[in-house]
C-alpha atoms as a PDB file:
ATOM      1  CA  UNK A   1     -94.574  55.093  67.633  1.00  0.00           C
ATOM      2  CA  UNK A   2     -92.599  56.687  64.803  1.00  0.00           C
ATOM      3  CA  UNK A   3     -91.601  54.198  62.098  1.00  0.00           C
ATOM      4  CA  UNK A   4     -88.817  54.558  59.535  1.00  0.00           C
ATOM      5  CA  UNK A   5     -89.661  51.846  56.988  1.00  0.00           C
ATOM      6  CA  UNK A   6     -93.453  51.654  57.156  1.00  0.00           C
ATOM      7  CA  UNK A   7     -96.370  54.065  57.306  1.00  0.00           C
ATOM      8  CA  UNK A   8     -99.240  53.205  59.644  1.00  0.00           C
ATOM      9  CA  UNK A   9    -102.662  54.816  59.326  1.00  0.00           C
ATOM     10  CA  UNK A  10    -105.897  54.200  61.165  1.00  0.00           C
ATOM     11  CA  UNK A  11    -109.279  54.524  59.437  1.00  0.00           C
ATOM     12  CA  UNK A  12    -112.123  53.699  61.794  1.00  0.00           C
ATOM     13  CA  UNK A  13    -111.615  50.013  62.661  1.00  0.00           C
ATOM     14  CA  UNK A  14    -108.978  49.288  60.007  1.00  0.00           C
ATOM     15  CA  UNK A  15    -105.202  49.658  60.345  1.00  0.00           C
ATOM     16  CA  UNK A  16    -103.306  50.274  57.112  1.00  0.00           C
ATOM     17  CA  UNK A  17     -99.640  49.251  57.128  1.00  0.00           C
ATOM     18  CA  UNK A  18     -97.781  50.500  54.054  1.00  0.00           C
ATOM     19  CA  UNK A  19     -94.243  49.322  53.330  1.00  0.00           C
ATOM     20  CA  UNK A  20     -92.123  52.404  52.705  1.00  0.00           C
ATOM     21  CA  UNK A  21     -88.623  51.804  51.354  1.00  0.00           C
ATOM     22  CA  UNK A  22     -89.199  53.198  47.849  1.00  0.00           C
ATOM     23  CA  UNK A  23     -85.517  53.385  46.907  1.00  0.00           C
ATOM     24  CA  UNK A  24     -85.194  49.637  47.558  1.00  0.00           C
ATOM     25  CA  UNK A  25     -88.565  48.627  46.061  1.00  0.00           C
ATOM     26  CA  UNK A  26     -89.680  47.877  49.620  1.00  0.00           C
ATOM     27  CA  UNK A  27     -87.067  45.162  50.093  1.00  0.00           C
ATOM     28  CA  UNK A  28     -87.540  43.528  53.475  1.00  0.00           C
ATOM     29  CA  UNK A  29     -84.661  44.320  55.808  1.00  0.00           C
ATOM     30  CA  UNK A  30     -84.404  43.533  59.512  1.00  0.00           C
ATOM     31  CA  UNK A  31     -85.655  46.969  60.515  1.00  0.00           C
ATOM     32  CA  UNK A  32     -88.766  46.688  58.354  1.00  0.00           C
ATOM     33  CA  UNK A  33     -89.618  43.207  59.638  1.00  0.00           C
ATOM     34  CA  UNK A  34     -89.251  44.439  63.213  1.00  0.00           C
ATOM     35  CA  UNK A  35     -91.453  47.452  62.523  1.00  0.00           C
ATOM     36  CA  UNK A  36     -94.156  45.338  60.873  1.00  0.00           C
ATOM     37  CA  UNK A  37     -94.120  43.065  63.939  1.00  0.00           C
ATOM     38  CA  UNK A  38     -94.430  46.083  66.234  1.00  0.00           C
ATOM     39  CA  UNK A  39     -97.302  47.548  64.220  1.00  0.00           C
ATOM     40  CA  UNK A  40     -99.136  44.220  64.299  1.00  0.00           C
ATOM     41  CA  UNK A  41     -98.594  43.912  68.042  1.00  0.00           C
ATOM     42  CA  UNK A  42    -100.080  47.375  68.530  1.00  0.00           C
ATOM     43  CA  UNK A  43    -103.022  46.488  66.286  1.00  0.00           C
ATOM     44  CA  UNK A  44    -103.575  43.253  68.228  1.00  0.00           C
ATOM     45  CA  UNK A  45    -103.722  45.125  71.513  1.00  0.00           C
ATOM     46  CA  UNK A  46    -105.927  47.938  70.203  1.00  0.00           C
ATOM     47  CA  UNK A  47    -109.545  46.884  70.729  1.00  0.00           C
ATOM     48  CA  UNK A  48    -110.694  49.380  68.102  1.00  0.00           C
ATOM     49  CA  UNK A  49    -108.741  47.573  65.366  1.00  0.00           C
ATOM     50  CA  UNK A  50    -110.727  44.794  63.726  1.00  0.00           C
ATOM     51  CA  UNK A  51    -108.829  44.237  60.461  1.00  0.00           C
ATOM     52  CA  UNK A  52    -105.444  45.098  58.936  1.00  0.00           C
ATOM     53  CA  UNK A  53    -104.469  45.919  55.342  1.00  0.00           C
ATOM     54  CA  UNK A  54    -100.819  45.399  54.390  1.00  0.00           C
ATOM     55  CA  UNK A  55     -99.673  47.067  51.184  1.00  0.00           C
ATOM     56  CA  UNK A  56     -96.694  48.578  49.385  1.00  0.00           C
ATOM     57  CA  UNK A  57     -96.422  51.051  46.525  1.00  0.00           C
ATOM     58  CA  UNK A  58     -97.980  50.899  43.079  1.00  0.00           C
ATOM     59  CA  UNK A  59     -94.598  49.813  41.699  1.00  0.00           C
ATOM     60  CA  UNK A  60     -93.762  47.180  44.299  1.00  0.00           C
ATOM     61  CA  UNK A  61     -95.454  45.453  47.188  1.00  0.00           C
ATOM     62  CA  UNK A  62     -92.010  44.138  48.145  1.00  0.00           C
ATOM     63  CA  UNK A  63     -89.324  43.060  45.705  1.00  0.00           C
ATOM     64  CA  UNK A  64     -87.835  40.512  48.091  1.00  0.00           C
ATOM     65  CA  UNK A  65     -85.600  40.342  51.120  1.00  0.00           C
ATOM     66  CA  UNK A  66     -82.765  42.853  51.335  1.00  0.00           C
ATOM     67  CA  UNK A  67     -79.912  40.999  49.628  1.00  0.00           C
ATOM     68  CA  UNK A  68     -77.301  43.591  50.586  1.00  0.00           C
ATOM     69  CA  UNK A  69     -78.098  42.843  54.226  1.00  0.00           C
ATOM     70  CA  UNK A  70     -77.819  39.069  53.792  1.00  0.00           C
ATOM     71  CA  UNK A  71     -75.020  38.650  51.253  1.00  0.00           C
ATOM     72  CA  UNK A  72     -72.142  38.399  53.735  1.00  0.00           C
ATOM     73  CA  UNK A  73     -73.895  36.190  56.263  1.00  0.00           C
ATOM     74  CA  UNK A  74     -72.646  32.641  56.855  1.00  0.00           C
ATOM     75  CA  UNK A  75     -74.532  29.474  57.655  1.00  0.00           C
ATOM     76  CA  UNK A  76     -73.596  29.935  61.313  1.00  0.00           C
ATOM     77  CA  UNK A  77     -74.970  33.501  61.236  1.00  0.00           C
ATOM     78  CA  UNK A  78     -78.370  32.598  59.823  1.00  0.00           C
ATOM     79  CA  UNK A  79     -78.744  29.280  61.645  1.00  0.00           C
ATOM     80  CA  UNK A  80     -77.712  30.518  65.091  1.00  0.00           C
ATOM     81  CA  UNK A  81     -80.052  33.521  64.882  1.00  0.00           C
ATOM     82  CA  UNK A  82     -82.797  31.414  63.255  1.00  0.00           C
ATOM     83  CA  UNK A  83     -83.190  34.069  60.558  1.00  0.00           C
ATOM     84  CA  UNK A  84     -86.836  34.998  59.805  1.00  0.00           C
ATOM     85  CA  UNK A  85     -88.288  32.644  62.459  1.00  0.00           C
ATOM     86  CA  UNK A  86     -89.310  35.351  64.918  1.00  0.00           C
ATOM     87  CA  UNK A  87     -91.013  37.456  62.255  1.00  0.00           C
ATOM     88  CA  UNK A  88     -92.818  34.433  60.834  1.00  0.00           C
ATOM     89  CA  UNK A  89     -94.055  33.518  64.315  1.00  0.00           C
ATOM     90  CA  UNK A  90     -95.291  37.081  64.879  1.00  0.00           C
ATOM     91  CA  UNK A  91     -97.283  36.993  61.643  1.00  0.00           C
ATOM     92  CA  UNK A  92     -98.816  33.608  62.375  1.00  0.00           C
ATOM     93  CA  UNK A  93     -99.890  34.416  65.935  1.00  0.00           C
ATOM     94  CA  UNK A  94    -101.760  37.577  64.860  1.00  0.00           C
ATOM     95  CA  UNK A  95    -105.421  36.708  65.344  1.00  0.00           C
ATOM     96  CA  UNK A  96    -107.207  39.496  63.474  1.00  0.00           C
ATOM     97  CA  UNK A  97    -107.706  39.291  59.690  1.00  0.00           C
ATOM     98  CA  UNK A  98    -104.899  40.642  57.480  1.00  0.00           C
ATOM     99  CA  UNK A  99    -105.464  41.503  53.817  1.00  0.00           C
ATOM    100  CA  UNK A 100    -102.483  41.836  51.482  1.00  0.00           C
ATOM    101  CA  UNK A 101    -103.097  44.499  48.825  1.00  0.00           C
ATOM    102  CA  UNK A 102    -100.486  43.761  46.160  1.00  0.00           C
ATOM    103  CA  UNK A 103     -99.486  45.967  43.247  1.00  0.00           C
ATOM    104  CA  UNK A 104     -96.356  45.607  41.159  1.00  0.00           C
ATOM    105  CA  UNK A 105     -93.633  43.233  42.260  1.00  0.00           C
ATOM    106  CA  UNK A 106     -94.196  40.702  45.051  1.00  0.00           C
ATOM    107  CA  UNK A 107     -91.048  38.643  44.728  1.00  0.00           C
ATOM    108  CA  UNK A 108     -89.171  36.314  47.044  1.00  0.00           C
ATOM    109  CA  UNK A 109     -89.812  37.524  50.576  1.00  0.00           C
ATOM    110  CA  UNK A 110     -92.449  39.897  49.230  1.00  0.00           C
ATOM    111  CA  UNK A 111     -94.440  37.010  47.742  1.00  0.00           C
ATOM    112  CA  UNK A 112     -93.974  35.086  50.970  1.00  0.00           C
ATOM    113  CA  UNK A 113     -95.147  38.043  53.061  1.00  0.00           C
ATOM    114  CA  UNK A 114     -98.289  38.367  50.938  1.00  0.00           C
ATOM    115  CA  UNK A 115     -98.998  34.644  51.333  1.00  0.00           C
ATOM    116  CA  UNK A 116     -98.686  34.947  55.122  1.00  0.00           C
ATOM    117  CA  UNK A 117    -101.697  37.255  55.088  1.00  0.00           C
ATOM    118  CA  UNK A 118    -105.202  35.812  55.177  1.00  0.00           C
ATOM    119  CA  UNK A 119    -105.933  36.607  51.550  1.00  0.00           C
ATOM    120  CA  UNK A 120    -104.520  38.660  48.702  1.00  0.00           C
ATOM    121  CA  UNK A 121    -106.226  41.306  46.597  1.00  0.00           C
ATOM    122  CA  UNK A 122    -104.051  41.988  43.545  1.00  0.00           C
ATOM    123  CA  UNK A 123    -103.897  44.905  41.164  1.00  0.00           C
ATOM    124  CA  UNK A 124    -103.798  44.193  37.442  1.00  0.00           C
ATOM    125  CA  UNK A 125    -100.072  45.050  37.489  1.00  0.00           C
ATOM    126  CA  UNK A 126     -99.123  42.537  40.196  1.00  0.00           C
ATOM    127  CA  UNK A 127     -96.320  40.057  39.552  1.00  0.00           C
ATOM    128  CA  UNK A 128     -95.541  37.199  41.918  1.00  0.00           C
ATOM    129  CA  UNK A 129     -92.384  35.125  42.014  1.00  0.00           C
ATOM    130  CA  UNK A 130     -89.892  33.107  44.055  1.00  0.00           C
ATOM    131  CA  UNK A 131     -86.672  33.830  42.144  1.00  0.00           C
ATOM    132  CA  UNK A 132     -84.255  32.924  44.956  1.00  0.00           C
ATOM    133  CA  UNK A 133     -82.812  30.175  42.739  1.00  0.00           C
ATOM    134  CA  UNK A 134     -81.121  32.948  40.725  1.00  0.00           C
ATOM    135  CA  UNK A 135     -79.138  33.862  43.852  1.00  0.00           C
ATOM    136  CA  UNK A 136     -78.039  30.322  44.601  1.00  0.00           C
ATOM    137  CA  UNK A 137     -80.499  29.905  47.462  1.00  0.00           C
ATOM    138  CA  UNK A 138     -84.183  29.077  47.915  1.00  0.00           C
ATOM    139  CA  UNK A 139     -87.246  30.481  49.661  1.00  0.00           C
ATOM    140  CA  UNK A 140     -86.783  30.925  53.406  1.00  0.00           C
ATOM    141  CA  UNK A 141     -89.988  32.582  54.600  1.00  0.00           C
ATOM    142  CA  UNK A 142     -92.353  29.763  53.691  1.00  0.00           C
ATOM    143  CA  UNK A 143     -92.479  30.113  49.915  1.00  0.00           C
ATOM    144  CA  UNK A 144     -91.860  26.464  49.034  1.00  0.00           C
ATOM    145  CA  UNK A 145     -94.635  25.388  51.411  1.00  0.00           C
ATOM    146  CA  UNK A 146     -97.318  28.052  51.011  1.00  0.00           C
ATOM    147  CA  UNK A 147     -97.021  28.547  47.258  1.00  0.00           C
ATOM    148  CA  UNK A 148     -97.346  24.793  46.727  1.00  0.00           C
ATOM    149  CA  UNK A 149    -100.504  24.726  48.831  1.00  0.00           C
ATOM    150  CA  UNK A 150    -101.966  27.655  46.902  1.00  0.00           C
ATOM    151  CA  UNK A 151    -101.142  26.771  43.295  1.00  0.00           C
ATOM    152  CA  UNK A 152    -100.146  23.083  43.320  1.00  0.00           C
ATOM    153  CA  UNK A 153     -96.865  21.233  42.878  1.00  0.00           C
ATOM    154  CA  UNK A 154     -96.270  21.784  39.155  1.00  0.00           C
ATOM    155  CA  UNK A 155     -96.651  25.576  39.136  1.00  0.00           C
ATOM    156  CA  UNK A 156     -94.754  25.888  42.411  1.00  0.00           C
ATOM    157  CA  UNK A 157     -91.868  23.773  41.131  1.00  0.00           C
ATOM    158  CA  UNK A 158     -91.848  25.754  37.890  1.00  0.00           C
ATOM    159  CA  UNK A 159     -91.628  29.093  39.706  1.00  0.00           C
ATOM    160  CA  UNK A 160     -89.080  27.977  42.301  1.00  0.00           C
ATOM    161  CA  UNK A 161     -86.804  26.156  39.821  1.00  0.00           C
ATOM    162  CA  UNK A 162     -86.878  28.670  36.957  1.00  0.00           C
ATOM    163  CA  UNK A 163     -87.483  31.892  38.863  1.00  0.00           C
ATOM    164  CA  UNK A 164     -90.265  32.937  36.477  1.00  0.00           C
ATOM    165  CA  UNK A 165     -92.926  35.423  37.534  1.00  0.00           C
ATOM    166  CA  UNK A 166     -96.681  34.850  37.641  1.00  0.00           C
ATOM    167  CA  UNK A 167     -98.843  37.766  36.518  1.00  0.00           C
ATOM    168  CA  UNK A 168    -102.105  38.777  38.150  1.00  0.00           C
ATOM    169  CA  UNK A 169    -104.312  36.851  35.737  1.00  0.00           C
ATOM    170  CA  UNK A 170    -102.429  33.594  36.253  1.00  0.00           C
ATOM    171  CA  UNK A 171    -102.363  34.181  40.007  1.00  0.00           C
ATOM    172  CA  UNK A 172    -106.135  34.609  39.972  1.00  0.00           C
ATOM    173  CA  UNK A 173    -106.696  31.461  37.879  1.00  0.00           C
ATOM    174  CA  UNK A 174    -104.337  29.492  40.131  1.00  0.00           C
ATOM    175  CA  UNK A 175    -106.013  30.511  43.389  1.00  0.00           C
ATOM    176  CA  UNK A 176    -103.117  32.575  44.737  1.00  0.00           C
ATOM    177  CA  UNK A 177    -105.199  35.755  44.913  1.00  0.00           C
ATOM    178  CA  UNK A 178    -108.839  36.298  45.740  1.00  0.00           C
ATOM    179  CA  UNK A 179    -109.476  38.821  42.948  1.00  0.00           C
ATOM    180  CA  UNK A 180    -107.939  41.454  40.679  1.00  0.00           C
ATOM    181  CA  UNK A 181    -108.768  45.175  40.712  1.00  0.00           C
ATOM    182  CA  UNK A 182    -107.357  48.133  38.737  1.00  0.00           C
ATOM    183  CA  UNK A 183    -104.140  49.445  40.285  1.00  0.00           C
ATOM    184  CA  UNK A 184    -105.640  52.873  40.981  1.00  0.00           C
ATOM    185  CA  UNK A 185    -108.470  51.273  42.967  1.00  0.00           C
ATOM    186  CA  UNK A 186    -106.403  48.715  44.900  1.00  0.00           C
ATOM    187  CA  UNK A 187    -106.077  50.632  48.158  1.00  0.00           C
ATOM    188  CA  UNK A 188    -109.701  51.794  48.245  1.00  0.00           C
ATOM    189  CA  UNK A 189    -110.981  48.310  47.385  1.00  0.00           C
ATOM    190  CA  UNK A 190    -108.823  46.666  50.056  1.00  0.00           C
ATOM    191  CA  UNK A 191    -109.851  49.218  52.677  1.00  0.00           C
ATOM    192  CA  UNK A 192    -113.532  48.776  51.768  1.00  0.00           C
ATOM    193  CA  UNK A 193    -113.150  45.011  52.075  1.00  0.00           C
ATOM    194  CA  UNK A 194    -111.452  45.413  55.452  1.00  0.00           C
ATOM    195  CA  UNK A 195    -114.223  47.759  56.596  1.00  0.00           C
ATOM    196  CA  UNK A 196    -116.799  45.132  55.628  1.00  0.00           C
ATOM    197  CA  UNK A 197    -114.945  42.520  57.693  1.00  0.00           C
ATOM    198  CA  UNK A 198    -114.775  45.005  60.561  1.00  0.00           C
ATOM    199  CA  UNK A 199    -118.582  45.106  60.650  1.00  0.00           C
ATOM    200  CA  UNK A 200    -118.723  41.448  61.648  1.00  0.00           C
ATOM    201  CA  UNK A 201    -118.379  39.934  65.089  1.00  0.00           C
ATOM    202  CA  UNK A 202    -114.679  39.953  66.034  1.00  0.00           C
ATOM    203  CA  UNK A 203    -115.179  36.662  67.902  1.00  0.00           C
ATOM    204  CA  UNK A 204    -116.589  35.032  64.768  1.00  0.00           C
ATOM    205  CA  UNK A 205    -113.867  36.414  62.475  1.00  0.00           C
ATOM    206  CA  UNK A 206    -111.144  35.056  64.745  1.00  0.00           C
ATOM    207  CA  UNK A 207    -112.873  31.681  64.796  1.00  0.00           C
ATOM    208  CA  UNK A 208    -113.113  31.648  60.983  1.00  0.00           C
ATOM    209  CA  UNK A 209    -109.422  32.507  60.658  1.00  0.00           C
ATOM    210  CA  UNK A 210    -108.395  29.739  63.071  1.00  0.00           C
ATOM    211  CA  UNK A 211    -110.586  27.164  61.372  1.00  0.00           C
ATOM    212  CA  UNK A 212    -109.497  27.905  57.794  1.00  0.00           C
ATOM    213  CA  UNK A 213    -105.829  27.947  58.802  1.00  0.00           C
ATOM    214  CA  UNK A 214    -106.253  24.657  60.648  1.00  0.00           C
ATOM    215  CA  UNK A 215    -107.256  23.010  57.356  1.00  0.00           C
ATOM    216  CA  UNK A 216    -103.609  23.211  56.275  1.00  0.00           C
ATOM    217  CA  UNK A 217    -102.326  21.628  59.464  1.00  0.00           C
ATOM    218  CA  UNK A 218    -104.413  18.519  60.000  1.00  0.00           C
ATOM    219  CA  UNK A 219    -106.464  15.741  58.420  1.00  0.00           C
ATOM    220  CA  UNK A 220    -109.923  16.379  57.018  1.00  0.00           C
ATOM    221  CA  UNK A 221    -111.661  14.544  59.872  1.00  0.00           C
ATOM    222  CA  UNK A 222    -109.727  16.449  62.535  1.00  0.00           C
ATOM    223  CA  UNK A 223    -110.340  19.709  60.697  1.00  0.00           C
ATOM    224  CA  UNK A 224    -114.058  19.022  60.498  1.00  0.00           C
ATOM    225  CA  UNK A 225    -114.168  18.312  64.228  1.00  0.00           C
ATOM    226  CA  UNK A 226    -112.228  21.514  64.975  1.00  0.00           C
ATOM    227  CA  UNK A 227    -114.649  23.529  62.817  1.00  0.00           C
ATOM    228  CA  UNK A 228    -117.707  21.914  64.416  1.00  0.00           C
ATOM    229  CA  UNK A 229    -116.497  22.635  67.934  1.00  0.00           C
ATOM    230  CA  UNK A 230    -115.761  26.272  67.084  1.00  0.00           C
ATOM    231  CA  UNK A 231    -119.217  26.508  65.487  1.00  0.00           C
ATOM    232  CA  UNK A 232    -120.774  25.051  68.649  1.00  0.00           C
ATOM    233  CA  UNK A 233    -118.791  27.422  70.883  1.00  0.00           C
ATOM    234  CA  UNK A 234    -120.103  30.502  69.083  1.00  0.00           C
ATOM    235  CA  UNK A 235    -123.562  29.639  70.427  1.00  0.00           C
ATOM    236  CA  UNK A 236    -122.265  30.774  73.819  1.00  0.00           C
ATOM    237  CA  UNK A 237    -121.803  34.339  72.541  1.00  0.00           C
ATOM    238  CA  UNK A 238    -124.025  37.390  72.577  1.00  0.00           C
ATOM    239  CA  UNK A 239    -123.147  37.981  68.915  1.00  0.00           C
ATOM    240  CA  UNK A 240    -124.690  34.677  67.815  1.00  0.00           C
ATOM    241  CA  UNK A 241    -127.963  35.574  69.539  1.00  0.00           C
ATOM    242  CA  UNK A 242    -127.897  39.105  68.137  1.00  0.00           C
ATOM    243  CA  UNK A 243    -126.972  37.974  64.633  1.00  0.00           C
ATOM    244  CA  UNK A 244    -129.747  35.415  64.380  1.00  0.00           C
ATOM    245  CA  UNK A 245    -132.324  37.667  66.032  1.00  0.00           C
ATOM    246  CA  UNK A 246    -131.419  40.477  63.616  1.00  0.00           C
ATOM    247  CA  UNK A 247    -131.833  38.114  60.648  1.00  0.00           C
ATOM    248  CA  UNK A 248    -135.275  37.001  61.815  1.00  0.00           C
ATOM    249  CA  UNK A 249    -136.294  40.596  62.569  1.00  0.00           C
ATOM    250  CA  UNK A 250    -134.938  41.799  59.197  1.00  0.00           C
ATOM    251  CA  UNK A 251    -132.566  44.413  60.646  1.00  0.00           C
ATOM    252  CA  UNK A 252    -128.824  45.025  60.786  1.00  0.00           C
ATOM    253  CA  UNK A 253    -127.088  43.239  63.682  1.00  0.00           C
ATOM    254  CA  UNK A 254    -125.335  45.233  66.397  1.00  0.00           C
ATOM    255  CA  UNK A 255    -122.392  43.049  67.324  1.00  0.00           C
ATOM    256  CA  UNK A 256    -120.639  43.610  70.665  1.00  0.00           C
ATOM    257  CA  UNK A 257    -117.783  41.071  70.374  1.00  0.00           C
ATOM    258  CA  UNK A 258    -119.131  39.176  73.374  1.00  0.00           C
END
């Protein structure tokens, strides 16, 4: 499918989705959100795809939602259409790992989009923020919930109430990102990380993703039970047998996703 606001590339078992509205600093409009959803749906259905990298440009991952598209909307408009709900659901139901590779600005909806991915690799130029307060609104794609879980109440309140940005170093210290790499190496590092994930058993990676995400949704005891049962269930797979046999035999495993 030909896309207008994103570029999609396939490298072996990794799909790269690059946001591509340079004149708007990759601001998220309805068309872009729909195209991201379509690209993810295609990646979900493609058995060759085992991991996805979502990125923007060196200047901006995404500088927020498209304000020109939203400015004239009323409460009835956004409430009756349940603005952003469908896209959020599409992101959350995607079962394969997604890495956000963030350089430059990741603000408002851009910060929220990055946090919806499974983890974030940031360039040394990355800047994160939820500055919606400056527009007389607040986060609407999960920012008040996810940012608080990542960095704690005080930093989240600070960012949401003042609109200040968090640089890459602070984001790393606060647990928002997994690591920082030079901007020029961001794409190659993220693709190499995705390729490493793609070497693993797809059944196991989906189980890991479900279990880690469940930790945000339930009590510790229920989460531990969920993890244990997924762990037990993997002993019914070919990949568990192959993985353990390969370890004992001191060779590389040949996973078959079965």
